[in-house]
Amino acid sequence: MFVQLEPGKDRPKWVPDSYLHLDFKTFGIADLVGATKAKCASLGIELKAPTAIDRARELAENVRFEEETRELKQSSPKPFREAQAGLNESLRQAAEAFGNGTGWKVAFGFDREASVIRANGVTVQFLVRDVYLNSCREGYLLMRVFDGALATPEEHQRGMSSFERPTERSKQRIPLTRTKEHGWCWVVNGRTLSSDEVVAQSIEELARGSQRSEEW
């Protein structure tokens, strides 16, 4: 079953014709659940409603998980720094792939407090905020999008700067969170995203740029 989340998009060519194609905006969660139950029934899978004990056990596990998450963030910056390192590696790979795929000059660099990726007249910057030596409880990334070229941390250390001050187009806080399924993730506009998904959004911003980056 293929579920189309965004309206107005054609079904990808790699989706087989035999797949059920469900437009989520039109049908919604109730029909999706119904279609899933019907498929389970056709495969001979018995669906059982959770008992009161099952629900209580799940609630207790969720409480323990949230308490553990708070303790990890409260006692060390390590969770944030590890998630930040994963984001930077995703950015590095995306910068290389984006440059090879478009032929554009793509700049990427980072240090402990910031990451910058730049191409096609647009810069995306990630600034680290409220992460301390012994805690990352309130830590978050500030994602800022600029029209214009902003220096990477390495370029800044070499004394390079923008010829003209870039214009900030948007900014948003991206807090650190944790899920049972995926570990440490980020919250973007109320959605929990992996580092790869956050980077995919930044690449979309670069692709919307209307001018080439300045030559450095």
N, C-alpha and C. Protein backbone atom coordinates (compact mmCIF):
# COMPACT_ATOMS: atom_id res chain seq x y z
N MET A 1 0.85 -1.20 0.00
CA MET A 1 0.00 0.00 0.00
C MET A 1 0.88 1.24 0.00
N PHE A 2 0.61 2.15 -0.91
CA PHE A 2 1.36 3.40 -1.01
C PHE A 2 0.46 4.54 -0.54
N VAL A 3 0.92 5.30 0.44
CA VAL A 3 0.14 6.41 1.00
C VAL A 3 0.76 7.72 0.56
N GLN A 4 0.01 8.50 -0.19
CA GLN A 4 0.48 9.80 -0.68
C GLN A 4 0.17 10.87 0.36
N LEU A 5 1.21 11.45 0.98
CA LEU A 5 1.03 12.42 2.05
C LEU A 5 0.83 13.83 1.52
N GLU A 6 1.49 14.17 0.42
CA GLU A 6 1.42 15.52 -0.12
C GLU A 6 0.45 15.58 -1.29
N PRO A 7 -0.49 16.52 -1.28
CA PRO A 7 -1.47 16.60 -2.37
C PRO A 7 -0.83 17.08 -3.67
N GLY A 8 -1.44 16.68 -4.78
CA GLY A 8 -1.00 17.18 -6.08
C GLY A 8 0.22 16.52 -6.66
N LYS A 9 0.71 15.47 -6.02
CA LYS A 9 1.90 14.79 -6.52
C LYS A 9 1.48 13.52 -7.28
N ASP A 10 2.18 13.23 -8.37
CA ASP A 10 1.93 12.01 -9.11
C ASP A 10 2.53 10.83 -8.37
N ARG A 11 1.96 9.67 -8.58
CA ARG A 11 2.50 8.46 -7.97
C ARG A 11 3.88 8.18 -8.57
N PRO A 12 4.88 7.91 -7.74
CA PRO A 12 6.22 7.61 -8.26
C PRO A 12 6.19 6.39 -9.18
N LYS A 13 7.06 6.41 -10.16
CA LYS A 13 7.10 5.33 -11.15
C LYS A 13 7.48 3.99 -10.53
N TRP A 14 8.22 4.04 -9.39
CA TRP A 14 8.67 2.79 -8.79
C TRP A 14 7.58 2.09 -7.98
N VAL A 15 6.40 2.72 -7.82
CA VAL A 15 5.30 2.09 -7.08
C VAL A 15 4.55 1.14 -8.02
N PRO A 16 4.51 -0.15 -7.72
CA PRO A 16 3.83 -1.11 -8.61
C PRO A 16 2.33 -0.81 -8.73
N ASP A 17 1.76 -1.16 -9.89
CA ASP A 17 0.33 -0.96 -10.10
C ASP A 17 -0.51 -1.79 -9.15
N SER A 18 0.07 -2.87 -8.65
CA SER A 18 -0.67 -3.75 -7.75
C SER A 18 -0.84 -3.16 -6.35
N TYR A 19 -0.13 -2.08 -6.05
CA TYR A 19 -0.23 -1.46 -4.73
C TYR A 19 -1.51 -0.64 -4.64
N LEU A 20 -2.13 -0.69 -3.46
CA LEU A 20 -3.23 0.21 -3.18
C LEU A 20 -2.67 1.62 -3.03
N HIS A 21 -3.26 2.57 -3.74
CA HIS A 21 -2.78 3.95 -3.71
C HIS A 21 -3.79 4.79 -2.94
N LEU A 22 -3.40 5.32 -1.79
CA LEU A 22 -4.31 6.05 -0.92
C LEU A 22 -3.85 7.49 -0.77
N ASP A 23 -4.71 8.42 -1.13
CA ASP A 23 -4.45 9.85 -0.96
C ASP A 23 -4.82 10.23 0.46
N PHE A 24 -3.79 10.50 1.28
CA PHE A 24 -4.02 10.71 2.72
C PHE A 24 -4.88 11.94 2.98
N LYS A 25 -4.70 12.99 2.18
CA LYS A 25 -5.47 14.22 2.41
C LYS A 25 -6.96 13.98 2.16
N THR A 26 -7.27 13.15 1.17
CA THR A 26 -8.66 12.89 0.84
C THR A 26 -9.31 11.92 1.82
N PHE A 27 -8.59 10.84 2.16
CA PHE A 27 -9.19 9.77 2.94
C PHE A 27 -8.90 9.87 4.45
N GLY A 28 -7.70 10.35 4.83
CA GLY A 28 -7.42 10.55 6.24
C GLY A 28 -7.03 9.29 6.99
N ILE A 29 -6.80 9.44 8.28
CA ILE A 29 -6.26 8.37 9.11
C ILE A 29 -7.25 7.23 9.28
N ALA A 30 -8.56 7.53 9.37
CA ALA A 30 -9.54 6.47 9.61
C ALA A 30 -9.54 5.46 8.46
N ASP A 31 -9.52 5.96 7.22
CA ASP A 31 -9.51 5.05 6.07
C ASP A 31 -8.19 4.32 5.94
N LEU A 32 -7.11 4.97 6.33
CA LEU A 32 -5.81 4.31 6.29
C LEU A 32 -5.79 3.14 7.27
N VAL A 33 -6.30 3.38 8.49
CA VAL A 33 -6.37 2.30 9.48
C VAL A 33 -7.27 1.18 8.97
N GLY A 34 -8.42 1.55 8.38
CA GLY A 34 -9.32 0.53 7.86
C GLY A 34 -8.68 -0.30 6.76
N ALA A 35 -7.96 0.35 5.85
CA ALA A 35 -7.29 -0.38 4.77
C ALA A 35 -6.22 -1.31 5.31
N THR A 36 -5.52 -0.85 6.35
CA THR A 36 -4.47 -1.67 6.96
C THR A 36 -5.08 -2.90 7.64
N LYS A 37 -6.20 -2.70 8.36
CA LYS A 37 -6.88 -3.82 9.01
C LYS A 37 -7.38 -4.83 7.98
N ALA A 38 -7.92 -4.32 6.88
CA ALA A 38 -8.42 -5.21 5.83
C ALA A 38 -7.29 -6.04 5.24
N LYS A 39 -6.14 -5.42 5.03
CA LYS A 39 -4.99 -6.15 4.49
C LYS A 39 -4.51 -7.22 5.47
N CYS A 40 -4.48 -6.87 6.76
CA CYS A 40 -4.08 -7.84 7.77
C CYS A 40 -5.04 -9.04 7.77
N ALA A 41 -6.34 -8.75 7.68
CA ALA A 41 -7.33 -9.82 7.68
C ALA A 41 -7.15 -10.73 6.47
N SER A 42 -6.84 -10.14 5.31
CA SER A 42 -6.66 -10.94 4.10
C SER A 42 -5.43 -11.84 4.20
N LEU A 43 -4.47 -11.47 5.03
CA LEU A 43 -3.26 -12.27 5.23
C LEU A 43 -3.40 -13.26 6.38
N GLY A 44 -4.59 -13.26 7.01
CA GLY A 44 -4.81 -14.20 8.10
C GLY A 44 -4.25 -13.75 9.44
N ILE A 45 -3.97 -12.46 9.56
CA ILE A 45 -3.43 -11.94 10.81
C ILE A 45 -4.58 -11.58 11.73
N GLU A 46 -4.53 -12.10 12.96
CA GLU A 46 -5.59 -11.83 13.92
C GLU A 46 -5.27 -10.55 14.68
N LEU A 47 -6.18 -9.60 14.63
CA LEU A 47 -6.00 -8.33 15.32
C LEU A 47 -6.66 -8.41 16.69
N LYS A 48 -5.89 -8.07 17.72
CA LYS A 48 -6.39 -8.13 19.09
C LYS A 48 -6.33 -6.75 19.72
N ALA A 49 -7.41 -6.34 20.33
CA ALA A 49 -7.43 -5.07 21.05
C ALA A 49 -6.56 -5.19 22.30
N PRO A 50 -5.78 -4.15 22.63
CA PRO A 50 -4.95 -4.23 23.84
C PRO A 50 -5.80 -4.30 25.10
N THR A 51 -5.35 -5.09 26.05
CA THR A 51 -6.05 -5.18 27.34
C THR A 51 -5.65 -4.02 28.22
N ALA A 52 -6.33 -3.87 29.34
CA ALA A 52 -5.99 -2.82 30.30
C ALA A 52 -4.57 -2.99 30.80
N ILE A 53 -4.15 -4.23 30.99
CA ILE A 53 -2.77 -4.49 31.45
C ILE A 53 -1.77 -4.08 30.38
N ASP A 54 -2.08 -4.38 29.12
CA ASP A 54 -1.20 -3.98 28.01
C ASP A 54 -1.04 -2.46 27.97
N ARG A 55 -2.16 -1.74 28.12
CA ARG A 55 -2.11 -0.28 28.07
C ARG A 55 -1.34 0.28 29.25
N ALA A 56 -1.52 -0.31 30.42
CA ALA A 56 -0.79 0.15 31.61
C ALA A 56 0.71 -0.11 31.46
N ARG A 57 1.05 -1.27 30.90
CA ARG A 57 2.47 -1.60 30.71
C ARG A 57 3.11 -0.62 29.73
N GLU A 58 2.39 -0.32 28.64
CA GLU A 58 2.92 0.61 27.65
C GLU A 58 3.09 2.01 28.26
N LEU A 59 2.12 2.43 29.05
CA LEU A 59 2.21 3.74 29.71
C LEU A 59 3.41 3.81 30.62
N ALA A 60 3.63 2.74 31.41
CA ALA A 60 4.77 2.72 32.33
C ALA A 60 6.09 2.76 31.57
N GLU A 61 6.16 2.04 30.44
CA GLU A 61 7.38 2.04 29.64
C GLU A 61 7.64 3.42 29.05
N ASN A 62 6.59 4.10 28.61
CA ASN A 62 6.74 5.44 28.05
C ASN A 62 7.23 6.42 29.11
N VAL A 63 6.69 6.31 30.32
CA VAL A 63 7.12 7.19 31.42
C VAL A 63 8.59 6.96 31.72
N ARG A 64 9.01 5.69 31.81
CA ARG A 64 10.42 5.38 32.07
C ARG A 64 11.32 5.93 30.97
N PHE A 65 10.86 5.78 29.73
CA PHE A 65 11.65 6.26 28.59
C PHE A 65 11.81 7.78 28.65
N GLU A 66 10.75 8.51 28.94
CA GLU A 66 10.82 9.97 29.03
C GLU A 66 11.71 10.42 30.18
N GLU A 67 11.63 9.73 31.31
CA GLU A 67 12.49 10.07 32.45
C GLU A 67 13.95 9.82 32.12
N GLU A 68 14.23 8.71 31.44
CA GLU A 68 15.60 8.40 31.04
C GLU A 68 16.13 9.46 30.07
N THR A 69 15.28 9.87 29.13
CA THR A 69 15.67 10.89 28.16
C THR A 69 16.01 12.19 28.86
N ARG A 70 15.17 12.63 29.80
CA ARG A 70 15.44 13.87 30.54
C ARG A 70 16.75 13.77 31.31
N GLU A 71 17.00 12.60 31.93
CA GLU A 71 18.23 12.43 32.71
C GLU A 71 19.47 12.48 31.80
N LEU A 72 19.39 11.85 30.65
CA LEU A 72 20.52 11.87 29.72
C LEU A 72 20.84 13.29 29.26
N LYS A 73 19.81 14.07 28.95
CA LYS A 73 20.01 15.44 28.50
C LYS A 73 20.46 16.35 29.64
N GLN A 74 19.97 16.06 30.84
CA GLN A 74 20.31 16.89 31.99
C GLN A 74 21.75 16.72 32.44
N SER A 75 22.30 15.51 32.30
CA SER A 75 23.58 15.17 32.91
C SER A 75 24.78 15.29 31.98
N SER A 76 24.55 15.51 30.68
CA SER A 76 25.69 15.52 29.75
C SER A 76 25.32 16.18 28.43
N PRO A 77 26.31 16.81 27.78
CA PRO A 77 26.07 17.34 26.43
C PRO A 77 26.24 16.28 25.35
N LYS A 78 26.65 15.07 25.76
CA LYS A 78 26.98 14.02 24.80
C LYS A 78 25.85 13.70 23.83
N PRO A 79 24.59 13.55 24.28
CA PRO A 79 23.53 13.24 23.31
C PRO A 79 23.42 14.28 22.19
N PHE A 80 23.52 15.56 22.57
CA PHE A 80 23.41 16.61 21.56
C PHE A 80 24.61 16.57 20.62
N ARG A 81 25.80 16.41 21.18
CA ARG A 81 26.99 16.43 20.34
C ARG A 81 27.01 15.24 19.38
N GLU A 82 26.53 14.10 19.82
CA GLU A 82 26.48 12.94 18.92
C GLU A 82 25.46 13.17 17.81
N ALA A 83 24.31 13.74 18.16
CA ALA A 83 23.30 14.04 17.14
C ALA A 83 23.82 15.10 16.18
N GLN A 84 24.54 16.09 16.72
CA GLN A 84 25.12 17.14 15.88
C GLN A 84 26.14 16.56 14.91
N ALA A 85 26.96 15.61 15.40
CA ALA A 85 27.96 14.97 14.53
C ALA A 85 27.27 14.21 13.40
N GLY A 86 26.16 13.54 13.72
CA GLY A 86 25.41 12.83 12.68
C GLY A 86 24.84 13.79 11.65
N LEU A 87 24.35 14.94 12.12
CA LEU A 87 23.82 15.94 11.20
C LEU A 87 24.93 16.47 10.29
N ASN A 88 26.10 16.74 10.84
CA ASN A 88 27.20 17.26 10.04
C ASN A 88 27.66 16.26 8.99
N GLU A 89 27.67 14.98 9.36
CA GLU A 89 28.06 13.97 8.38
C GLU A 89 27.02 13.88 7.26
N SER A 90 25.75 13.99 7.62
CA SER A 90 24.70 13.99 6.59
C SER A 90 24.84 15.21 5.69
N LEU A 91 25.16 16.37 6.28
CA LEU A 91 25.37 17.58 5.49
C LEU A 91 26.55 17.43 4.54
N ARG A 92 27.64 16.82 5.03
CA ARG A 92 28.82 16.63 4.19
C ARG A 92 28.49 15.77 2.98
N GLN A 93 27.80 14.65 3.22
CA GLN A 93 27.44 13.76 2.13
C GLN A 93 26.47 14.43 1.16
N ALA A 94 25.51 15.18 1.71
CA ALA A 94 24.54 15.86 0.85
C ALA A 94 25.21 16.94 0.01
N ALA A 95 26.15 17.67 0.60
CA ALA A 95 26.86 18.71 -0.14
C ALA A 95 27.61 18.12 -1.33
N GLU A 96 28.26 16.98 -1.10
CA GLU A 96 29.00 16.32 -2.17
C GLU A 96 28.06 15.84 -3.27
N ALA A 97 26.97 15.18 -2.86
CA ALA A 97 26.02 14.66 -3.84
C ALA A 97 25.33 15.78 -4.60
N PHE A 98 24.98 16.86 -3.90
CA PHE A 98 24.29 17.98 -4.53
C PHE A 98 25.20 18.67 -5.55
N GLY A 99 26.46 18.86 -5.17
CA GLY A 99 27.40 19.47 -6.10
C GLY A 99 27.64 18.62 -7.33
N ASN A 100 27.79 17.31 -7.13
CA ASN A 100 28.01 16.41 -8.27
C ASN A 100 26.78 16.35 -9.17
N GLY A 101 25.61 16.43 -8.56
CA GLY A 101 24.39 16.30 -9.35
C GLY A 101 24.00 17.54 -10.12
N THR A 102 24.41 18.72 -9.62
CA THR A 102 24.01 19.97 -10.26
C THR A 102 25.13 20.66 -11.02
N GLY A 103 26.37 20.35 -10.64
CA GLY A 103 27.50 21.06 -11.22
C GLY A 103 27.73 22.40 -10.56
N TRP A 104 26.96 22.74 -9.55
CA TRP A 104 27.14 24.00 -8.83
C TRP A 104 28.27 23.88 -7.82
N LYS A 105 28.84 25.00 -7.51
CA LYS A 105 29.85 25.04 -6.46
C LYS A 105 29.15 25.04 -5.11
N VAL A 106 29.41 24.02 -4.33
CA VAL A 106 28.77 23.87 -3.01
C VAL A 106 29.83 23.96 -1.94
N ALA A 107 29.62 24.84 -0.99
CA ALA A 107 30.55 25.01 0.13
C ALA A 107 29.91 24.44 1.39
N PHE A 108 30.69 23.72 2.17
CA PHE A 108 30.22 23.20 3.44
C PHE A 108 31.34 23.23 4.47
N GLY A 109 31.01 23.61 5.68
CA GLY A 109 31.99 23.61 6.76
C GLY A 109 31.29 23.70 8.10
N PHE A 110 32.01 23.30 9.14
CA PHE A 110 31.42 23.34 10.47
C PHE A 110 32.50 23.44 11.53
N ASP A 111 32.10 23.88 12.70
CA ASP A 111 32.91 23.78 13.89
C ASP A 111 31.99 23.35 15.02
N ARG A 112 32.44 23.51 16.25
CA ARG A 112 31.65 23.03 17.39
C ARG A 112 30.33 23.79 17.56
N GLU A 113 30.28 25.01 17.08
CA GLU A 113 29.11 25.85 17.36
C GLU A 113 28.28 26.19 16.13
N ALA A 114 28.71 25.80 14.94
CA ALA A 114 27.93 26.16 13.75
C ALA A 114 28.26 25.24 12.58
N SER A 115 27.29 25.09 11.70
CA SER A 115 27.46 24.38 10.43
C SER A 115 26.87 25.25 9.33
N VAL A 116 27.54 25.28 8.17
CA VAL A 116 27.08 26.11 7.07
C VAL A 116 27.19 25.32 5.77
N ILE A 117 26.10 25.33 4.98
CA ILE A 117 26.14 24.78 3.64
C ILE A 117 25.62 25.86 2.70
N ARG A 118 26.30 26.06 1.57
CA ARG A 118 26.03 27.20 0.70
C ARG A 118 26.11 26.77 -0.76
N ALA A 119 25.12 27.21 -1.55
CA ALA A 119 25.14 26.95 -2.99
C ALA A 119 24.04 27.77 -3.65
N ASN A 120 24.27 28.10 -4.91
CA ASN A 120 23.23 28.70 -5.74
C ASN A 120 22.65 29.98 -5.14
N GLY A 121 23.50 30.77 -4.48
CA GLY A 121 23.05 32.04 -3.93
C GLY A 121 22.26 31.94 -2.65
N VAL A 122 22.26 30.77 -2.02
CA VAL A 122 21.51 30.57 -0.77
C VAL A 122 22.44 29.91 0.25
N THR A 123 22.31 30.31 1.51
CA THR A 123 23.08 29.72 2.60
C THR A 123 22.14 29.21 3.67
N VAL A 124 22.42 27.99 4.15
CA VAL A 124 21.70 27.44 5.30
C VAL A 124 22.71 27.27 6.43
N GLN A 125 22.38 27.84 7.59
CA GLN A 125 23.27 27.82 8.74
C GLN A 125 22.56 27.14 9.92
N PHE A 126 23.31 26.31 10.65
CA PHE A 126 22.81 25.70 11.87
C PHE A 126 23.69 26.17 13.04
N LEU A 127 23.10 26.90 13.97
CA LEU A 127 23.81 27.39 15.14
C LEU A 127 23.42 26.58 16.36
N VAL A 128 24.41 26.22 17.19
CA VAL A 128 24.16 25.49 18.43
C VAL A 128 23.79 26.48 19.52
N ARG A 129 22.72 26.18 20.24
CA ARG A 129 22.25 27.07 21.30
C ARG A 129 21.95 26.28 22.57
N ASP A 130 22.32 26.87 23.71
CA ASP A 130 22.00 26.37 25.05
C ASP A 130 22.50 24.95 25.29
N VAL A 131 23.71 24.66 24.83
CA VAL A 131 24.39 23.40 25.15
C VAL A 131 25.61 23.74 25.99
N TYR A 132 25.72 23.11 27.18
CA TYR A 132 26.75 23.48 28.13
C TYR A 132 27.69 22.30 28.40
N LEU A 133 28.67 22.51 29.26
CA LEU A 133 29.66 21.49 29.54
C LEU A 133 29.06 20.27 30.23
N ASN A 134 27.99 20.47 30.98
CA ASN A 134 27.42 19.36 31.74
C ASN A 134 25.95 19.07 31.42
N SER A 135 25.40 19.70 30.39
CA SER A 135 23.98 19.50 30.11
C SER A 135 23.62 19.97 28.71
N CYS A 136 22.61 19.29 28.14
CA CYS A 136 22.02 19.76 26.88
C CYS A 136 20.50 19.74 27.01
N ARG A 137 20.03 19.90 28.23
CA ARG A 137 18.60 19.79 28.51
C ARG A 137 17.78 20.74 27.65
N GLU A 138 18.27 21.97 27.48
CA GLU A 138 17.54 22.97 26.69
C GLU A 138 18.18 23.18 25.32
N GLY A 139 19.10 22.29 24.94
CA GLY A 139 19.84 22.50 23.70
C GLY A 139 18.99 22.42 22.44
N TYR A 140 19.31 23.24 21.48
CA TYR A 140 18.62 23.21 20.20
C TYR A 140 19.52 23.79 19.11
N LEU A 141 19.17 23.52 17.87
CA LEU A 141 19.81 24.14 16.72
C LEU A 141 18.94 25.28 16.22
N LEU A 142 19.57 26.36 15.85
CA LEU A 142 18.85 27.47 15.21
C LEU A 142 19.18 27.40 13.72
N MET A 143 18.19 26.99 12.93
CA MET A 143 18.38 26.88 11.49
C MET A 143 17.98 28.20 10.84
N ARG A 144 18.94 28.82 10.13
CA ARG A 144 18.72 30.11 9.49
C ARG A 144 18.99 29.97 7.99
N VAL A 145 18.11 30.53 7.19
CA VAL A 145 18.26 30.50 5.74
C VAL A 145 18.49 31.92 5.24
N PHE A 146 19.53 32.11 4.43
CA PHE A 146 19.91 33.43 3.93
C PHE A 146 19.88 33.46 2.41
N ASP A 147 19.45 34.57 1.87
CA ASP A 147 19.69 34.89 0.47
C ASP A 147 21.03 35.59 0.41
N GLY A 148 22.00 34.93 -0.20
CA GLY A 148 23.35 35.48 -0.24
C GLY A 148 24.34 34.50 0.36
N ALA A 149 25.62 34.84 0.23
CA ALA A 149 26.71 33.96 0.65
C ALA A 149 27.17 34.29 2.06
N LEU A 150 27.10 33.30 2.93
CA LEU A 150 27.61 33.43 4.30
C LEU A 150 28.83 32.52 4.42
N ALA A 151 29.88 33.01 5.06
CA ALA A 151 31.12 32.25 5.17
C ALA A 151 30.93 31.02 6.06
N THR A 152 31.60 29.92 5.70
CA THR A 152 31.64 28.76 6.57
C THR A 152 32.58 29.07 7.74
N PRO A 153 32.53 28.30 8.84
CA PRO A 153 33.45 28.54 9.95
C PRO A 153 34.91 28.52 9.53
N GLU A 154 35.29 27.59 8.62
CA GLU A 154 36.69 27.52 8.17
C GLU A 154 37.06 28.78 7.38
N GLU A 155 36.16 29.23 6.51
CA GLU A 155 36.43 30.44 5.74
C GLU A 155 36.54 31.64 6.66
N HIS A 156 35.70 31.69 7.68
CA HIS A 156 35.75 32.80 8.63
C HIS A 156 37.08 32.82 9.38
N GLN A 157 37.59 31.66 9.74
CA GLN A 157 38.88 31.59 10.42
C GLN A 157 40.02 32.08 9.53
N ARG A 158 39.85 31.93 8.22
CA ARG A 158 40.87 32.41 7.28
C ARG A 158 40.68 33.88 6.93
N GLY A 159 39.74 34.52 7.60
CA GLY A 159 39.54 35.94 7.39
C GLY A 159 38.63 36.27 6.24
N MET A 160 37.91 35.28 5.72
CA MET A 160 37.00 35.52 4.61
C MET A 160 35.62 35.87 5.13
N SER A 161 34.93 36.76 4.44
CA SER A 161 33.59 37.17 4.84
C SER A 161 32.79 37.50 3.59
N SER A 162 31.49 37.75 3.78
CA SER A 162 30.62 38.05 2.65
C SER A 162 30.94 39.42 2.06
N PHE A 163 30.85 39.55 0.73
CA PHE A 163 31.04 40.85 0.10
C PHE A 163 29.88 41.78 0.45
N GLU A 164 28.70 41.22 0.51
CA GLU A 164 27.53 41.97 0.92
C GLU A 164 26.82 41.19 2.02
N ARG A 165 26.23 41.89 2.96
CA ARG A 165 25.57 41.22 4.06
C ARG A 165 24.39 40.40 3.55
N PRO A 166 24.38 39.07 3.80
CA PRO A 166 23.25 38.25 3.34
C PRO A 166 21.95 38.65 4.04
N THR A 167 20.84 38.44 3.36
CA THR A 167 19.54 38.76 3.92
C THR A 167 18.92 37.50 4.52
N GLU A 168 18.60 37.55 5.81
CA GLU A 168 17.99 36.40 6.46
C GLU A 168 16.55 36.23 5.98
N ARG A 169 16.27 35.06 5.41
CA ARG A 169 14.94 34.78 4.89
C ARG A 169 14.04 34.14 5.94
N SER A 170 14.61 33.25 6.75
CA SER A 170 13.81 32.56 7.76
C SER A 170 14.72 31.98 8.83
N LYS A 171 14.13 31.67 9.97
CA LYS A 171 14.86 30.97 11.02
C LYS A 171 13.87 30.20 11.88
N GLN A 172 14.35 29.10 12.44
CA GLN A 172 13.49 28.29 13.30
C GLN A 172 14.34 27.49 14.28
N ARG A 173 13.77 27.27 15.45
CA ARG A 173 14.41 26.44 16.47
C ARG A 173 14.18 24.98 16.15
N ILE A 174 15.23 24.16 16.32
CA ILE A 174 15.13 22.73 16.09
C ILE A 174 15.62 22.02 17.35
N PRO A 175 14.74 21.74 18.30
CA PRO A 175 15.15 21.08 19.54
C PRO A 175 15.53 19.62 19.32
N LEU A 176 16.32 19.11 20.24
CA LEU A 176 16.69 17.70 20.24
C LEU A 176 15.61 16.90 20.96
N THR A 177 15.27 15.73 20.42
CA THR A 177 14.31 14.85 21.06
C THR A 177 14.79 13.41 20.90
N ARG A 178 14.03 12.49 21.44
CA ARG A 178 14.42 11.07 21.39
C ARG A 178 13.17 10.21 21.24
N THR A 179 13.25 9.23 20.35
CA THR A 179 12.15 8.30 20.16
C THR A 179 12.66 6.88 20.35
N LYS A 180 11.74 5.97 20.69
CA LYS A 180 12.12 4.58 20.87
C LYS A 180 12.58 3.96 19.55
N GLU A 181 11.94 4.37 18.48
CA GLU A 181 12.21 3.76 17.17
C GLU A 181 13.51 4.24 16.55
N HIS A 182 13.83 5.53 16.70
CA HIS A 182 14.94 6.11 15.94
C HIS A 182 16.02 6.76 16.80
N GLY A 183 15.88 6.73 18.11
CA GLY A 183 16.89 7.34 18.96
C GLY A 183 16.80 8.85 18.94
N TRP A 184 17.96 9.53 18.93
CA TRP A 184 17.99 10.99 18.98
C TRP A 184 17.60 11.57 17.63
N CYS A 185 16.66 12.49 17.66
CA CYS A 185 16.13 13.13 16.45
C CYS A 185 15.94 14.62 16.71
N TRP A 186 15.30 15.28 15.76
CA TRP A 186 15.07 16.72 15.86
C TRP A 186 13.58 17.02 15.66
N VAL A 187 13.12 18.10 16.27
CA VAL A 187 11.73 18.51 16.12
C VAL A 187 11.69 19.74 15.22
N VAL A 188 11.04 19.60 14.05
CA VAL A 188 10.95 20.68 13.07
C VAL A 188 9.47 20.93 12.78
N ASN A 189 9.00 22.11 13.16
CA ASN A 189 7.59 22.48 12.94
C ASN A 189 6.64 21.42 13.49
N GLY A 190 6.96 20.92 14.68
CA GLY A 190 6.10 19.95 15.33
C GLY A 190 6.28 18.52 14.86
N ARG A 191 7.14 18.29 13.88
CA ARG A 191 7.39 16.95 13.36
C ARG A 191 8.75 16.44 13.83
N THR A 192 8.81 15.16 14.18
CA THR A 192 10.07 14.55 14.59
C THR A 192 10.78 14.01 13.36
N LEU A 193 11.99 14.54 13.09
CA LEU A 193 12.73 14.19 11.89
C LEU A 193 14.12 13.68 12.24
N SER A 194 14.64 12.78 11.43
CA SER A 194 16.02 12.33 11.56
C SER A 194 16.96 13.41 11.02
N SER A 195 18.25 13.24 11.27
CA SER A 195 19.23 14.19 10.73
C SER A 195 19.17 14.21 9.21
N ASP A 196 19.01 13.05 8.59
CA ASP A 196 18.93 12.98 7.13
C ASP A 196 17.74 13.79 6.61
N GLU A 197 16.62 13.72 7.33
CA GLU A 197 15.42 14.45 6.89
C GLU A 197 15.59 15.95 7.07
N VAL A 198 16.27 16.36 8.15
CA VAL A 198 16.55 17.79 8.34
C VAL A 198 17.46 18.30 7.23
N VAL A 199 18.47 17.51 6.90
CA VAL A 199 19.39 17.90 5.83
C VAL A 199 18.66 17.97 4.49
N ALA A 200 17.73 17.06 4.26
CA ALA A 200 16.97 17.09 3.01
C ALA A 200 16.21 18.40 2.87
N GLN A 201 15.71 18.93 3.98
CA GLN A 201 15.03 20.23 3.93
C GLN A 201 16.00 21.35 3.58
N SER A 202 17.21 21.28 4.12
CA SER A 202 18.19 22.33 3.82
C SER A 202 18.60 22.27 2.34
N ILE A 203 18.69 21.08 1.77
CA ILE A 203 19.02 20.96 0.36
C ILE A 203 17.90 21.53 -0.51
N GLU A 204 16.67 21.36 -0.09
CA GLU A 204 15.54 21.95 -0.81
C GLU A 204 15.66 23.47 -0.82
N GLU A 205 16.11 24.05 0.29
CA GLU A 205 16.29 25.50 0.34
C GLU A 205 17.37 25.94 -0.65
N LEU A 206 18.45 25.19 -0.73
CA LEU A 206 19.51 25.53 -1.68
C LEU A 206 19.01 25.44 -3.12
N ALA A 207 18.19 24.43 -3.38
CA ALA A 207 17.70 24.22 -4.74
C ALA A 207 16.78 25.34 -5.19
N ARG A 208 16.18 26.05 -4.23
CA ARG A 208 15.28 27.14 -4.59
C ARG A 208 16.03 28.43 -4.93
N GLY A 209 17.32 28.45 -4.67
CA GLY A 209 18.09 29.67 -4.91
C GLY A 209 18.03 30.12 -6.35
N SER A 210 18.11 31.42 -6.56
CA SER A 210 17.97 31.96 -7.92
C SER A 210 19.29 32.46 -8.50
N GLN A 211 20.34 32.51 -7.68
CA GLN A 211 21.61 33.02 -8.15
C GLN A 211 22.73 32.08 -7.69
N ARG A 212 23.78 32.07 -8.46
CA ARG A 212 24.94 31.27 -8.08
C ARG A 212 25.66 31.91 -6.89
N SER A 213 26.36 31.05 -6.12
CA SER A 213 27.13 31.54 -5.00
C SER A 213 28.27 32.42 -5.50
N GLU A 214 28.71 33.32 -4.64
CA GLU A 214 29.88 34.16 -4.95
C GLU A 214 31.12 33.26 -5.06
N GLU A 215 32.05 33.63 -5.88
CA GLU A 215 33.33 32.91 -5.95
C GLU A 215 34.21 33.36 -4.79
N TRP A 216 34.80 32.37 -4.10
CA TRP A 216 35.60 32.71 -2.91
C TRP A 216 37.08 32.50 -3.22
